Amino acid sequence: MTDQLPMFEGDDREGSAGKDDEGQSKDLRTVELTSREVSLLLKYGYPFPDEEQKLRASKAVEGIHRVRLGAYWIELMLGDLARSEREIRSHRLLDELDELYSVLESALNSGRGKPQR
């Protein structure tokens, strides 16, 4: 099923990292998110402008957004999610953010140890 889903990469095919970012731009991951997870990531993950644009512009196919993000930027969003969680009191929201954290972490780890193309 995931082979049929289009991936949104936006205009920046290498992620937001520029050429001066020591190769971080080539370390892309495909992150699969529900619409709710996209909304939570935009609110609590504090994505940088290029990643925010990619998340906002992605279209759900069968309820799933597939977005290509650089590993470096995913790591930053993970840190921001963890920081945001310290200020939240709603157990339901914390559970949702924990699940989002797991999704991002899984996408991040999916490319570890693989040769870059």
N, C-alpha and C. Protein backbone atom coordinates (compact mmCIF):
# COMPACT_ATOMS: atom_id res chain seq x y z
N MET A 1 0.82 -1.19 0.00
CA MET A 1 0.00 0.00 0.00
C MET A 1 0.86 1.25 0.00
N THR A 2 1.94 1.27 0.78
CA THR A 2 2.75 2.48 0.85
C THR A 2 3.45 2.77 -0.46
N ASP A 3 3.61 1.78 -1.34
CA ASP A 3 4.22 2.02 -2.63
C ASP A 3 3.34 2.91 -3.50
N GLN A 4 2.05 2.94 -3.23
CA GLN A 4 1.12 3.71 -4.04
C GLN A 4 0.95 5.13 -3.54
N LEU A 5 1.40 5.44 -2.34
CA LEU A 5 1.22 6.77 -1.79
C LEU A 5 2.28 7.72 -2.32
N PRO A 6 1.87 8.90 -2.80
CA PRO A 6 2.86 9.86 -3.27
C PRO A 6 3.57 10.49 -2.08
N MET A 7 4.80 10.92 -2.31
CA MET A 7 5.55 11.61 -1.27
C MET A 7 5.64 13.07 -1.62
N PHE A 8 5.38 13.93 -0.67
CA PHE A 8 5.53 15.35 -0.90
C PHE A 8 6.92 15.76 -0.51
N GLU A 9 7.63 16.35 -1.43
CA GLU A 9 8.97 16.82 -1.15
C GLU A 9 9.07 18.32 -1.26
N GLY A 10 8.05 18.98 -1.82
CA GLY A 10 8.12 20.42 -1.96
C GLY A 10 9.18 20.81 -2.97
N ASP A 11 9.51 22.08 -2.99
CA ASP A 11 10.51 22.58 -3.92
C ASP A 11 11.92 22.21 -3.50
N ASP A 12 12.12 21.93 -2.24
CA ASP A 12 13.45 21.67 -1.71
C ASP A 12 13.64 20.16 -1.60
N ARG A 13 14.20 19.55 -2.60
CA ARG A 13 14.32 18.10 -2.65
C ARG A 13 15.33 17.55 -1.65
N GLU A 14 16.13 18.40 -1.04
CA GLU A 14 17.13 17.92 -0.10
C GLU A 14 16.80 18.29 1.34
N GLY A 15 15.57 18.67 1.62
CA GLY A 15 15.23 19.12 2.97
C GLY A 15 15.70 20.55 3.15
N SER A 16 15.51 21.11 4.32
CA SER A 16 15.84 22.50 4.55
C SER A 16 17.33 22.74 4.70
N ALA A 17 18.06 21.69 4.96
CA ALA A 17 19.49 21.89 5.16
C ALA A 17 20.12 22.37 3.87
N GLY A 18 20.94 23.37 3.98
CA GLY A 18 21.62 23.91 2.82
C GLY A 18 22.88 23.13 2.53
N LYS A 19 23.57 23.53 1.50
CA LYS A 19 24.78 22.83 1.10
C LYS A 19 25.90 23.00 2.13
N ASP A 20 25.79 23.98 3.00
CA ASP A 20 26.80 24.21 4.03
C ASP A 20 26.54 23.41 5.30
N ASP A 21 25.54 22.57 5.30
CA ASP A 21 25.15 21.83 6.50
C ASP A 21 25.79 20.46 6.57
N GLU A 22 26.98 20.31 6.02
CA GLU A 22 27.79 19.11 6.15
C GLU A 22 27.07 17.81 5.78
N GLY A 23 26.36 17.81 4.68
CA GLY A 23 25.74 16.58 4.19
C GLY A 23 24.44 16.21 4.86
N GLN A 24 23.96 17.00 5.80
CA GLN A 24 22.72 16.67 6.49
C GLN A 24 21.55 16.64 5.53
N SER A 25 21.62 17.40 4.45
CA SER A 25 20.51 17.51 3.51
C SER A 25 20.27 16.22 2.76
N LYS A 26 21.25 15.35 2.65
CA LYS A 26 21.07 14.11 1.90
C LYS A 26 20.54 12.99 2.77
N ASP A 27 20.41 13.22 4.03
CA ASP A 27 19.98 12.20 4.98
C ASP A 27 18.47 12.32 5.20
N LEU A 28 17.70 12.08 4.12
CA LEU A 28 16.25 12.25 4.17
C LEU A 28 15.55 11.00 4.66
N ARG A 29 14.44 11.21 5.32
CA ARG A 29 13.57 10.13 5.80
C ARG A 29 12.16 10.39 5.32
N THR A 30 11.42 9.35 5.08
CA THR A 30 10.00 9.48 4.78
C THR A 30 9.24 9.29 6.09
N VAL A 31 8.47 10.29 6.45
CA VAL A 31 7.69 10.24 7.68
C VAL A 31 6.23 10.09 7.28
N GLU A 32 5.57 9.08 7.83
CA GLU A 32 4.15 8.85 7.56
C GLU A 32 3.35 9.30 8.77
N LEU A 33 2.47 10.28 8.54
CA LEU A 33 1.72 10.91 9.63
C LEU A 33 0.24 10.97 9.31
N THR A 34 -0.57 10.85 10.34
CA THR A 34 -2.00 11.11 10.17
C THR A 34 -2.19 12.62 10.14
N SER A 35 -3.38 13.06 9.76
CA SER A 35 -3.67 14.49 9.75
C SER A 35 -3.56 15.08 11.15
N ARG A 36 -3.99 14.33 12.14
CA ARG A 36 -3.88 14.79 13.53
C ARG A 36 -2.42 14.95 13.93
N GLU A 37 -1.58 14.00 13.53
CA GLU A 37 -0.16 14.07 13.86
C GLU A 37 0.51 15.26 13.18
N VAL A 38 0.11 15.55 11.94
CA VAL A 38 0.64 16.73 11.26
C VAL A 38 0.29 17.98 12.05
N SER A 39 -0.97 18.06 12.47
CA SER A 39 -1.43 19.21 13.25
C SER A 39 -0.65 19.35 14.55
N LEU A 40 -0.45 18.24 15.25
CA LEU A 40 0.31 18.27 16.51
C LEU A 40 1.76 18.66 16.28
N LEU A 41 2.35 18.16 15.21
CA LEU A 41 3.74 18.47 14.91
C LEU A 41 3.91 19.95 14.59
N LEU A 42 2.96 20.51 13.87
CA LEU A 42 3.02 21.94 13.56
C LEU A 42 2.89 22.79 14.83
N LYS A 43 2.07 22.32 15.76
CA LYS A 43 1.84 23.11 16.98
C LYS A 43 2.92 22.91 18.04
N TYR A 44 3.38 21.69 18.21
CA TYR A 44 4.29 21.39 19.33
C TYR A 44 5.72 21.04 18.91
N GLY A 45 5.94 20.80 17.62
CA GLY A 45 7.27 20.43 17.15
C GLY A 45 8.09 21.61 16.65
N TYR A 46 7.45 22.76 16.53
CA TYR A 46 8.10 23.99 16.08
C TYR A 46 9.01 23.76 14.88
N PRO A 47 8.45 23.26 13.77
CA PRO A 47 9.30 23.02 12.60
C PRO A 47 9.83 24.32 12.01
N PHE A 48 10.98 24.24 11.39
CA PHE A 48 11.54 25.39 10.69
C PHE A 48 10.68 25.66 9.46
N PRO A 49 10.77 26.86 8.88
CA PRO A 49 9.85 27.26 7.81
C PRO A 49 9.73 26.29 6.64
N ASP A 50 10.83 25.75 6.16
CA ASP A 50 10.74 24.83 5.02
C ASP A 50 10.01 23.55 5.38
N GLU A 51 10.28 23.02 6.58
CA GLU A 51 9.60 21.81 7.01
C GLU A 51 8.12 22.10 7.29
N GLU A 52 7.84 23.26 7.85
CA GLU A 52 6.45 23.65 8.08
C GLU A 52 5.69 23.69 6.77
N GLN A 53 6.30 24.27 5.75
CA GLN A 53 5.66 24.35 4.44
C GLN A 53 5.40 22.96 3.87
N LYS A 54 6.36 22.07 4.01
CA LYS A 54 6.18 20.70 3.53
C LYS A 54 5.03 20.01 4.24
N LEU A 55 4.97 20.18 5.56
CA LEU A 55 3.90 19.55 6.34
C LEU A 55 2.54 20.12 5.95
N ARG A 56 2.46 21.44 5.82
CA ARG A 56 1.18 22.07 5.47
C ARG A 56 0.73 21.72 4.05
N ALA A 57 1.68 21.58 3.14
CA ALA A 57 1.34 21.32 1.74
C ALA A 57 1.10 19.84 1.44
N SER A 58 1.49 18.96 2.34
CA SER A 58 1.30 17.53 2.07
C SER A 58 -0.18 17.19 2.05
N LYS A 59 -0.52 16.28 1.18
CA LYS A 59 -1.91 15.82 1.04
C LYS A 59 -2.02 14.40 1.56
N ALA A 60 -3.06 14.16 2.32
CA ALA A 60 -3.29 12.82 2.85
C ALA A 60 -3.83 11.91 1.75
N VAL A 61 -3.26 10.74 1.66
CA VAL A 61 -3.76 9.70 0.77
C VAL A 61 -4.16 8.54 1.67
N GLU A 62 -5.44 8.21 1.62
CA GLU A 62 -5.99 7.18 2.49
C GLU A 62 -5.67 7.49 3.96
N GLY A 63 -5.71 8.78 4.30
CA GLY A 63 -5.53 9.21 5.68
C GLY A 63 -4.08 9.37 6.13
N ILE A 64 -3.12 9.17 5.23
CA ILE A 64 -1.71 9.24 5.59
C ILE A 64 -0.99 10.31 4.77
N HIS A 65 -0.25 11.16 5.46
CA HIS A 65 0.63 12.14 4.82
C HIS A 65 2.02 11.51 4.78
N ARG A 66 2.63 11.49 3.60
CA ARG A 66 4.02 11.00 3.49
C ARG A 66 4.88 12.22 3.15
N VAL A 67 5.79 12.55 4.06
CA VAL A 67 6.60 13.76 3.91
C VAL A 67 8.07 13.38 4.05
N ARG A 68 8.91 13.91 3.15
CA ARG A 68 10.35 13.68 3.22
C ARG A 68 10.98 14.81 4.02
N LEU A 69 11.62 14.45 5.11
CA LEU A 69 12.29 15.41 5.98
C LEU A 69 13.71 14.95 6.26
N GLY A 70 14.60 15.90 6.43
CA GLY A 70 15.97 15.58 6.78
C GLY A 70 16.07 15.07 8.21
N ALA A 71 16.97 14.12 8.42
CA ALA A 71 17.15 13.54 9.76
C ALA A 71 17.49 14.62 10.78
N TYR A 72 18.31 15.56 10.39
CA TYR A 72 18.70 16.65 11.28
C TYR A 72 17.47 17.41 11.79
N TRP A 73 16.55 17.70 10.87
CA TRP A 73 15.35 18.46 11.23
C TRP A 73 14.39 17.63 12.07
N ILE A 74 14.33 16.32 11.81
CA ILE A 74 13.50 15.44 12.64
C ILE A 74 14.04 15.44 14.07
N GLU A 75 15.36 15.38 14.22
CA GLU A 75 15.95 15.40 15.56
C GLU A 75 15.59 16.68 16.30
N LEU A 76 15.61 17.81 15.59
CA LEU A 76 15.24 19.08 16.23
C LEU A 76 13.77 19.06 16.67
N MET A 77 12.90 18.52 15.82
CA MET A 77 11.48 18.45 16.17
C MET A 77 11.25 17.51 17.35
N LEU A 78 12.01 16.41 17.41
CA LEU A 78 11.90 15.51 18.56
C LEU A 78 12.23 16.25 19.85
N GLY A 79 13.28 17.03 19.83
CA GLY A 79 13.66 17.82 21.01
C GLY A 79 12.58 18.81 21.40
N ASP A 80 11.99 19.46 20.40
CA ASP A 80 10.93 20.43 20.68
C ASP A 80 9.68 19.74 21.22
N LEU A 81 9.37 18.55 20.71
CA LEU A 81 8.22 17.80 21.24
C LEU A 81 8.45 17.45 22.70
N ALA A 82 9.65 16.97 23.01
CA ALA A 82 9.97 16.60 24.40
C ALA A 82 9.86 17.81 25.31
N ARG A 83 10.33 18.95 24.85
CA ARG A 83 10.24 20.17 25.65
C ARG A 83 8.77 20.57 25.84
N SER A 84 7.99 20.50 24.77
CA SER A 84 6.57 20.86 24.84
C SER A 84 5.82 19.96 25.82
N GLU A 85 6.18 18.68 25.85
CA GLU A 85 5.47 17.73 26.72
C GLU A 85 5.58 18.09 28.20
N ARG A 86 6.66 18.75 28.58
CA ARG A 86 6.83 19.11 30.00
C ARG A 86 5.81 20.12 30.47
N GLU A 87 5.21 20.87 29.55
CA GLU A 87 4.27 21.93 29.93
C GLU A 87 2.81 21.51 29.79
N ILE A 88 2.56 20.28 29.34
CA ILE A 88 1.20 19.82 29.06
C ILE A 88 0.68 18.98 30.21
N ARG A 89 -0.56 19.23 30.58
CA ARG A 89 -1.17 18.51 31.71
C ARG A 89 -2.18 17.46 31.25
N SER A 90 -2.69 17.60 30.04
CA SER A 90 -3.70 16.66 29.54
C SER A 90 -3.06 15.31 29.23
N HIS A 91 -3.54 14.27 29.91
CA HIS A 91 -2.99 12.93 29.69
C HIS A 91 -3.26 12.44 28.27
N ARG A 92 -4.43 12.78 27.75
CA ARG A 92 -4.78 12.37 26.38
C ARG A 92 -3.82 13.01 25.38
N LEU A 93 -3.56 14.30 25.53
CA LEU A 93 -2.65 14.99 24.62
C LEU A 93 -1.23 14.45 24.77
N LEU A 94 -0.82 14.17 25.99
CA LEU A 94 0.51 13.59 26.21
C LEU A 94 0.65 12.24 25.52
N ASP A 95 -0.41 11.44 25.56
CA ASP A 95 -0.39 10.14 24.88
C ASP A 95 -0.24 10.33 23.37
N GLU A 96 -0.96 11.32 22.82
CA GLU A 96 -0.87 11.59 21.39
C GLU A 96 0.54 12.07 21.01
N LEU A 97 1.11 12.93 21.84
CA LEU A 97 2.46 13.43 21.56
C LEU A 97 3.50 12.32 21.70
N ASP A 98 3.29 11.42 22.65
CA ASP A 98 4.19 10.27 22.79
C ASP A 98 4.15 9.39 21.54
N GLU A 99 2.95 9.18 21.01
CA GLU A 99 2.81 8.39 19.79
C GLU A 99 3.49 9.10 18.62
N LEU A 100 3.30 10.40 18.51
CA LEU A 100 3.96 11.18 17.46
C LEU A 100 5.47 11.10 17.59
N TYR A 101 5.96 11.19 18.82
CA TYR A 101 7.40 11.07 19.08
C TYR A 101 7.91 9.72 18.57
N SER A 102 7.15 8.66 18.84
CA SER A 102 7.53 7.32 18.40
C SER A 102 7.55 7.21 16.88
N VAL A 103 6.58 7.84 16.22
CA VAL A 103 6.52 7.81 14.76
C VAL A 103 7.76 8.50 14.17
N LEU A 104 8.08 9.67 14.71
CA LEU A 104 9.25 10.42 14.22
C LEU A 104 10.55 9.66 14.51
N GLU A 105 10.63 9.11 15.70
CA GLU A 105 11.83 8.36 16.08
C GLU A 105 12.01 7.13 15.18
N SER A 106 10.91 6.47 14.87
CA SER A 106 10.97 5.30 13.99
C SER A 106 11.43 5.71 12.59
N ALA A 107 10.90 6.81 12.08
CA ALA A 107 11.32 7.30 10.76
C ALA A 107 12.79 7.68 10.78
N LEU A 108 13.22 8.29 11.85
CA LEU A 108 14.62 8.68 11.99
C LEU A 108 15.53 7.46 11.99
N ASN A 109 15.15 6.44 12.74
CA ASN A 109 15.97 5.23 12.86
C ASN A 109 15.90 4.34 11.63
N SER A 110 14.91 4.54 10.79
CA SER A 110 14.74 3.69 9.60
C SER A 110 15.89 3.82 8.63
N GLY A 111 16.60 4.93 8.66
CA GLY A 111 17.69 5.12 7.71
C GLY A 111 19.07 4.97 8.30
N ARG A 112 19.16 4.71 9.57
CA ARG A 112 20.47 4.59 10.20
C ARG A 112 21.21 3.37 9.65
N GLY A 113 22.46 3.57 9.32
CA GLY A 113 23.28 2.48 8.84
C GLY A 113 23.11 2.16 7.38
N LYS A 114 22.24 2.87 6.68
CA LYS A 114 22.06 2.63 5.25
C LYS A 114 22.98 3.57 4.48
N PRO A 115 23.55 3.10 3.39
CA PRO A 115 24.39 3.98 2.58
C PRO A 115 23.54 5.07 1.94
N GLN A 116 24.09 6.26 1.85
CA GLN A 116 23.38 7.38 1.22
C GLN A 116 23.54 7.29 -0.29
N ARG A 117 22.50 7.70 -0.99
CA ARG A 117 22.55 7.68 -2.46
C ARG A 117 22.91 9.05 -2.96
